[in-house]
Amino acid sequence: MPKLRVFSGAELCNFLSEHGFERVRQRGSHVIMRRGQVSFPVPLHRQLDRGTVRGIIRQSGLPRSLFE
């Protein structure tokens, strides 16, 4: 299984926007992304931990191969 790419929070928000998610609101350094009934926070850090990206992949329902 290939390693996940390193994302910044802004890059991940843009990537999710391209795949149907919309930016609902922002409070501080966290953006809430939503598509339908699925919503989750994305921290706007310079570099996201791989565990955080894995959690976002799991919650988004998108295939992991898109994030590699």
PDB file of N, CA and C in Angstrom:
ATOM      1  N   MET A   1       0.841  -1.166   0.000  1.00  0.00           N
ATOM      2  CA  MET A   1       0.000   0.000   0.000  1.00  0.00           C
ATOM      3  C   MET A   1       0.896   1.243   0.000  1.00  0.00           C
ATOM      4  N   PRO A   2       0.758   2.125  -0.991  1.00  0.00           N
ATOM      5  CA  PRO A   2       1.585   3.329  -1.069  1.00  0.00           C
ATOM      6  C   PRO A   2       1.294   4.283   0.090  1.00  0.00           C
ATOM      7  N   LYS A   3       2.274   5.110   0.393  1.00  0.00           N
ATOM      8  CA  LYS A   3       2.107   6.084   1.464  1.00  0.00           C
ATOM      9  C   LYS A   3       1.181   7.207   1.028  1.00  0.00           C
ATOM     10  N   LEU A   4       0.545   7.810   2.013  1.00  0.00           N
ATOM     11  CA  LEU A   4      -0.309   8.967   1.747  1.00  0.00           C
ATOM     12  C   LEU A   4       0.546  10.183   1.441  1.00  0.00           C
ATOM     13  N   ARG A   5       0.028  11.061   0.611  1.00  0.00           N
ATOM     14  CA  ARG A   5       0.699  12.326   0.348  1.00  0.00           C
ATOM     15  C   ARG A   5       0.675  13.180   1.598  1.00  0.00           C
ATOM     16  N   VAL A   6       1.578  14.107   1.683  1.00  0.00           N
ATOM     17  CA  VAL A   6       1.571  15.086   2.773  1.00  0.00           C
ATOM     18  C   VAL A   6       0.737  16.261   2.305  1.00  0.00           C
ATOM     19  N   PHE A   7      -0.297  16.587   3.060  1.00  0.00           N
ATOM     20  CA  PHE A   7      -1.204  17.681   2.724  1.00  0.00           C
ATOM     21  C   PHE A   7      -1.076  18.789   3.752  1.00  0.00           C
ATOM     22  N   SER A   8      -1.273  20.009   3.301  1.00  0.00           N
ATOM     23  CA  SER A   8      -1.541  21.099   4.238  1.00  0.00           C
ATOM     24  C   SER A   8      -3.066  21.158   4.369  1.00  0.00           C
ATOM     25  N   GLY A   9      -3.545  21.870   5.357  1.00  0.00           N
ATOM     26  CA  GLY A   9      -4.992  21.972   5.539  1.00  0.00           C
ATOM     27  C   GLY A   9      -5.678  22.628   4.354  1.00  0.00           C
ATOM     28  N   ALA A  10      -5.061  23.686   3.815  1.00  0.00           N
ATOM     29  CA  ALA A  10      -5.650  24.393   2.669  1.00  0.00           C
ATOM     30  C   ALA A  10      -5.675  23.495   1.435  1.00  0.00           C
ATOM     31  N   GLU A  11      -4.590  22.744   1.203  1.00  0.00           N
ATOM     32  CA  GLU A  11      -4.553  21.826   0.050  1.00  0.00           C
ATOM     33  C   GLU A  11      -5.640  20.772   0.164  1.00  0.00           C
ATOM     34  N   LEU A  12      -5.836  20.242   1.371  1.00  0.00           N
ATOM     35  CA  LEU A  12      -6.849  19.212   1.559  1.00  0.00           C
ATOM     36  C   LEU A  12      -8.247  19.778   1.355  1.00  0.00           C
ATOM     37  N   CYS A  13      -8.497  21.005   1.816  1.00  0.00           N
ATOM     38  CA  CYS A  13      -9.803  21.635   1.594  1.00  0.00           C
ATOM     39  C   CYS A  13     -10.070  21.819   0.104  1.00  0.00           C
ATOM     40  N   ASN A  14      -9.068  22.270  -0.640  1.00  0.00           N
ATOM     41  CA  ASN A  14      -9.224  22.435  -2.088  1.00  0.00           C
ATOM     42  C   ASN A  14      -9.467  21.094  -2.765  1.00  0.00           C
ATOM     43  N   PHE A  15      -8.737  20.072  -2.348  1.00  0.00           N
ATOM     44  CA  PHE A  15      -8.893  18.728  -2.914  1.00  0.00           C
ATOM     45  C   PHE A  15     -10.303  18.206  -2.649  1.00  0.00           C
ATOM     46  N   LEU A  16     -10.799  18.377  -1.429  1.00  0.00           N
ATOM     47  CA  LEU A  16     -12.148  17.911  -1.100  1.00  0.00           C
ATOM     48  C   LEU A  16     -13.206  18.711  -1.858  1.00  0.00           C
ATOM     49  N   SER A  17     -12.964  19.987  -2.082  1.00  0.00           N
ATOM     50  CA  SER A  17     -13.905  20.818  -2.854  1.00  0.00           C
ATOM     51  C   SER A  17     -14.034  20.307  -4.284  1.00  0.00           C
ATOM     52  N   GLU A  18     -12.941  19.835  -4.850  1.00  0.00           N
ATOM     53  CA  GLU A  18     -12.962  19.281  -6.204  1.00  0.00           C
ATOM     54  C   GLU A  18     -13.759  17.986  -6.263  1.00  0.00           C
ATOM     55  N   HIS A  19     -13.948  17.320  -5.122  1.00  0.00           N
ATOM     56  CA  HIS A  19     -14.661  16.048  -5.077  1.00  0.00           C
ATOM     57  C   HIS A  19     -16.034  16.169  -4.430  1.00  0.00           C
ATOM     58  N   GLY A  20     -16.627  17.367  -4.496  1.00  0.00           N
ATOM     59  CA  GLY A  20     -18.024  17.529  -4.121  1.00  0.00           C
ATOM     60  C   GLY A  20     -18.291  18.030  -2.712  1.00  0.00           C
ATOM     61  N   PHE A  21     -17.270  18.274  -1.915  1.00  0.00           N
ATOM     62  CA  PHE A  21     -17.487  18.792  -0.569  1.00  0.00           C
ATOM     63  C   PHE A  21     -17.515  20.310  -0.625  1.00  0.00           C
ATOM     64  N   GLU A  22     -18.273  20.910   0.292  1.00  0.00           N
ATOM     65  CA  GLU A  22     -18.312  22.366   0.350  1.00  0.00           C
ATOM     66  C   GLU A  22     -17.858  22.839   1.716  1.00  0.00           C
ATOM     67  N   ARG A  23     -17.263  24.012   1.703  1.00  0.00           N
ATOM     68  CA  ARG A  23     -16.798  24.640   2.935  1.00  0.00           C
ATOM     69  C   ARG A  23     -18.006  25.287   3.595  1.00  0.00           C
ATOM     70  N   VAL A  24     -18.400  24.782   4.764  1.00  0.00           N
ATOM     71  CA  VAL A  24     -19.612  25.256   5.419  1.00  0.00           C
ATOM     72  C   VAL A  24     -19.327  26.455   6.309  1.00  0.00           C
ATOM     73  N   ARG A  25     -18.315  26.318   7.157  1.00  0.00           N
ATOM     74  CA  ARG A  25     -17.980  27.415   8.064  1.00  0.00           C
ATOM     75  C   ARG A  25     -16.562  27.231   8.570  1.00  0.00           C
ATOM     76  N   GLN A  26     -16.064  28.242   9.239  1.00  0.00           N
ATOM     77  CA  GLN A  26     -14.723  28.174   9.808  1.00  0.00           C
ATOM     78  C   GLN A  26     -14.755  28.822  11.178  1.00  0.00           C
ATOM     79  N   ARG A  27     -14.090  28.176  12.117  1.00  0.00           N
ATOM     80  CA  ARG A  27     -13.939  28.763  13.447  1.00  0.00           C
ATOM     81  C   ARG A  27     -12.481  28.605  13.836  1.00  0.00           C
ATOM     82  N   GLY A  28     -11.782  29.700  13.883  1.00  0.00           N
ATOM     83  CA  GLY A  28     -10.355  29.645  14.187  1.00  0.00           C
ATOM     84  C   GLY A  28      -9.603  28.978  13.063  1.00  0.00           C
ATOM     85  N   SER A  29      -8.837  27.947  13.400  1.00  0.00           N
ATOM     86  CA  SER A  29      -8.016  27.279  12.391  1.00  0.00           C
ATOM     87  C   SER A  29      -8.653  25.992  11.880  1.00  0.00           C
ATOM     88  N   HIS A  30      -9.955  25.798  12.096  1.00  0.00           N
ATOM     89  CA  HIS A  30     -10.625  24.592  11.633  1.00  0.00           C
ATOM     90  C   HIS A  30     -11.767  24.946  10.689  1.00  0.00           C
ATOM     91  N   VAL A  31     -11.792  24.284   9.537  1.00  0.00           N
ATOM     92  CA  VAL A  31     -12.843  24.463   8.536  1.00  0.00           C
ATOM     93  C   VAL A  31     -13.741  23.236   8.581  1.00  0.00           C
ATOM     94  N   ILE A  32     -15.039  23.436   8.539  1.00  0.00           N
ATOM     95  CA  ILE A  32     -15.982  22.324   8.492  1.00  0.00           C
ATOM     96  C   ILE A  32     -16.359  22.103   7.033  1.00  0.00           C
ATOM     97  N   MET A  33     -16.077  20.894   6.540  1.00  0.00           N
ATOM     98  CA  MET A  33     -16.404  20.512   5.166  1.00  0.00           C
ATOM     99  C   MET A  33     -17.622  19.591   5.205  1.00  0.00           C
ATOM    100  N   ARG A  34     -18.516  19.717   4.197  1.00  0.00           N
ATOM    101  CA  ARG A  34     -19.720  18.896   4.195  1.00  0.00           C
ATOM    102  C   ARG A  34     -20.126  18.518   2.772  1.00  0.00           C
ATOM    103  N   ARG A  35     -20.667  17.301   2.669  1.00  0.00           N
ATOM    104  CA  ARG A  35     -21.315  16.824   1.445  1.00  0.00           C
ATOM    105  C   ARG A  35     -22.481  15.972   1.897  1.00  0.00           C
ATOM    106  N   GLY A  36     -23.691  16.430   1.619  1.00  0.00           N
ATOM    107  CA  GLY A  36     -24.875  15.711   2.083  1.00  0.00           C
ATOM    108  C   GLY A  36     -24.941  15.742   3.598  1.00  0.00           C
ATOM    109  N   GLN A  37     -25.059  14.577   4.226  1.00  0.00           N
ATOM    110  CA  GLN A  37     -25.133  14.484   5.679  1.00  0.00           C
ATOM    111  C   GLN A  37     -23.769  14.301   6.341  1.00  0.00           C
ATOM    112  N   VAL A  38     -22.718  14.143   5.529  1.00  0.00           N
ATOM    113  CA  VAL A  38     -21.381  13.884   6.050  1.00  0.00           C
ATOM    114  C   VAL A  38     -20.649  15.207   6.236  1.00  0.00           C
ATOM    115  N   SER A  39     -20.202  15.467   7.476  1.00  0.00           N
ATOM    116  CA  SER A  39     -19.411  16.671   7.714  1.00  0.00           C
ATOM    117  C   SER A  39     -18.300  16.342   8.704  1.00  0.00           C
ATOM    118  N   PHE A  40     -17.186  17.057   8.571  1.00  0.00           N
ATOM    119  CA  PHE A  40     -16.040  16.834   9.436  1.00  0.00           C
ATOM    120  C   PHE A  40     -15.142  18.061   9.400  1.00  0.00           C
ATOM    121  N   PRO A  41     -14.354  18.253  10.476  1.00  0.00           N
ATOM    122  CA  PRO A  41     -13.437  19.392  10.517  1.00  0.00           C
ATOM    123  C   PRO A  41     -12.117  19.078   9.827  1.00  0.00           C
ATOM    124  N   VAL A  42     -11.536  20.098   9.224  1.00  0.00           N
ATOM    125  CA  VAL A  42     -10.198  20.000   8.637  1.00  0.00           C
ATOM    126  C   VAL A  42      -9.352  21.103   9.263  1.00  0.00           C
ATOM    127  N   PRO A  43      -8.295  20.744  10.003  1.00  0.00           N
ATOM    128  CA  PRO A  43      -7.439  21.778  10.591  1.00  0.00           C
ATOM    129  C   PRO A  43      -6.601  22.465   9.515  1.00  0.00           C
ATOM    130  N   LEU A  44      -6.493  23.758   9.582  1.00  0.00           N
ATOM    131  CA  LEU A  44      -5.726  24.516   8.586  1.00  0.00           C
ATOM    132  C   LEU A  44      -4.272  24.660   9.039  1.00  0.00           C
ATOM    133  N   HIS A  45      -3.604  23.548   9.194  1.00  0.00           N
ATOM    134  CA  HIS A  45      -2.199  23.550   9.591  1.00  0.00           C
ATOM    135  C   HIS A  45      -1.326  23.453   8.345  1.00  0.00           C
ATOM    136  N   ARG A  46      -0.042  23.803   8.499  1.00  0.00           N
ATOM    137  CA  ARG A  46       0.885  23.735   7.361  1.00  0.00           C
ATOM    138  C   ARG A  46       1.078  22.313   6.882  1.00  0.00           C
ATOM    139  N   GLN A  47       1.129  21.378   7.821  1.00  0.00           N
ATOM    140  CA  GLN A  47       1.319  19.966   7.470  1.00  0.00           C
ATOM    141  C   GLN A  47       0.432  19.137   8.383  1.00  0.00           C
ATOM    142  N   LEU A  48      -0.466  18.353   7.779  1.00  0.00           N
ATOM    143  CA  LEU A  48      -1.363  17.508   8.564  1.00  0.00           C
ATOM    144  C   LEU A  48      -0.699  16.172   8.860  1.00  0.00           C
ATOM    145  N   ASP A  49      -0.928  15.650  10.057  1.00  0.00           N
ATOM    146  CA  ASP A  49      -0.432  14.321  10.401  1.00  0.00           C
ATOM    147  C   ASP A  49      -1.126  13.287   9.523  1.00  0.00           C
ATOM    148  N   ARG A  50      -0.439  12.197   9.246  1.00  0.00           N
ATOM    149  CA  ARG A  50      -1.027  11.158   8.405  1.00  0.00           C
ATOM    150  C   ARG A  50      -2.251  10.530   9.063  1.00  0.00           C
ATOM    151  N   GLY A  51      -2.256  10.449  10.386  1.00  0.00           N
ATOM    152  CA  GLY A  51      -3.423   9.919  11.095  1.00  0.00           C
ATOM    153  C   GLY A  51      -4.644  10.806  10.910  1.00  0.00           C
ATOM    154  N   THR A  52      -4.437  12.103  10.878  1.00  0.00           N
ATOM    155  CA  THR A  52      -5.535  13.044  10.640  1.00  0.00           C
ATOM    156  C   THR A  52      -6.076  12.872   9.232  1.00  0.00           C
ATOM    157  N   VAL A  53      -5.184  12.723   8.268  1.00  0.00           N
ATOM    158  CA  VAL A  53      -5.613  12.525   6.878  1.00  0.00           C
ATOM    159  C   VAL A  53      -6.362  11.195   6.752  1.00  0.00           C
ATOM    160  N   ARG A  54      -5.881  10.138   7.411  1.00  0.00           N
ATOM    161  CA  ARG A  54      -6.579   8.846   7.381  1.00  0.00           C
ATOM    162  C   ARG A  54      -7.985   8.966   7.956  1.00  0.00           C
ATOM    163  N   GLY A  55      -8.142   9.715   9.045  1.00  0.00           N
ATOM    164  CA  GLY A  55      -9.463   9.916   9.632  1.00  0.00           C
ATOM    165  C   GLY A  55     -10.399  10.658   8.696  1.00  0.00           C
ATOM    166  N   ILE A  56      -9.871  11.665   8.004  1.00  0.00           N
ATOM    167  CA  ILE A  56     -10.679  12.426   7.052  1.00  0.00           C
ATOM    168  C   ILE A  56     -11.076  11.541   5.877  1.00  0.00           C
ATOM    169  N   ILE A  57     -10.152  10.678   5.418  1.00  0.00           N
ATOM    170  CA  ILE A  57     -10.479   9.744   4.332  1.00  0.00           C
ATOM    171  C   ILE A  57     -11.616   8.830   4.758  1.00  0.00           C
ATOM    172  N   ARG A  58     -11.515   8.307   5.962  1.00  0.00           N
ATOM    173  CA  ARG A  58     -12.534   7.385   6.484  1.00  0.00           C
ATOM    174  C   ARG A  58     -13.889   8.078   6.563  1.00  0.00           C
ATOM    175  N   GLN A  59     -13.903   9.297   7.074  1.00  0.00           N
ATOM    176  CA  GLN A  59     -15.160  10.020   7.234  1.00  0.00           C
ATOM    177  C   GLN A  59     -15.742  10.483   5.901  1.00  0.00           C
ATOM    178  N   SER A  60     -14.883  10.795   4.942  1.00  0.00           N
ATOM    179  CA  SER A  60     -15.365  11.324   3.668  1.00  0.00           C
ATOM    180  C   SER A  60     -15.997  10.249   2.787  1.00  0.00           C
ATOM    181  N   GLY A  61     -15.553   9.003   2.952  1.00  0.00           N
ATOM    182  CA  GLY A  61     -16.077   7.936   2.106  1.00  0.00           C
ATOM    183  C   GLY A  61     -15.412   7.870   0.740  1.00  0.00           C
ATOM    184  N   LEU A  62     -14.413   8.706   0.490  1.00  0.00           N
ATOM    185  CA  LEU A  62     -13.684   8.683  -0.779  1.00  0.00           C
ATOM    186  C   LEU A  62     -12.642   7.561  -0.736  1.00  0.00           C
ATOM    187  N   PRO A  63     -12.307   6.975  -1.866  1.00  0.00           N
ATOM    188  CA  PRO A  63     -11.289   5.922  -1.877  1.00  0.00           C
ATOM    189  C   PRO A  63      -9.906   6.465  -1.510  1.00  0.00           C
ATOM    190  N   ARG A  64      -9.164   5.668  -0.770  1.00  0.00           N
ATOM    191  CA  ARG A  64      -7.829   6.064  -0.326  1.00  0.00           C
ATOM    192  C   ARG A  64      -6.894   6.339  -1.511  1.00  0.00           C
ATOM    193  N   SER A  65      -7.116   5.661  -2.620  1.00  0.00           N
ATOM    194  CA  SER A  65      -6.228   5.823  -3.778  1.00  0.00           C
ATOM    195  C   SER A  65      -6.217   7.262  -4.304  1.00  0.00           C
ATOM    196  N   LEU A  66      -7.260   8.039  -4.073  1.00  0.00           N
ATOM    197  CA  LEU A  66      -7.275   9.438  -4.500  1.00  0.00           C
ATOM    198  C   LEU A  66      -6.274  10.278  -3.722  1.00  0.00           C
ATOM    199  N   PHE A  67      -5.944   9.854  -2.518  1.00  0.00           N
ATOM    200  CA  PHE A  67      -5.101  10.639  -1.622  1.00  0.00           C
ATOM    201  C   PHE A  67      -3.632  10.245  -1.689  1.00  0.00           C
ATOM    202  N   GLU A  68      -3.270   9.284  -2.530  1.00  0.00           N
ATOM    203  CA  GLU A  68      -1.886   8.800  -2.603  1.00  0.00           C
ATOM    204  C   GLU A  68      -1.099   9.534  -3.653  1.00  0.00           C
TER     205      GLU A  68
END
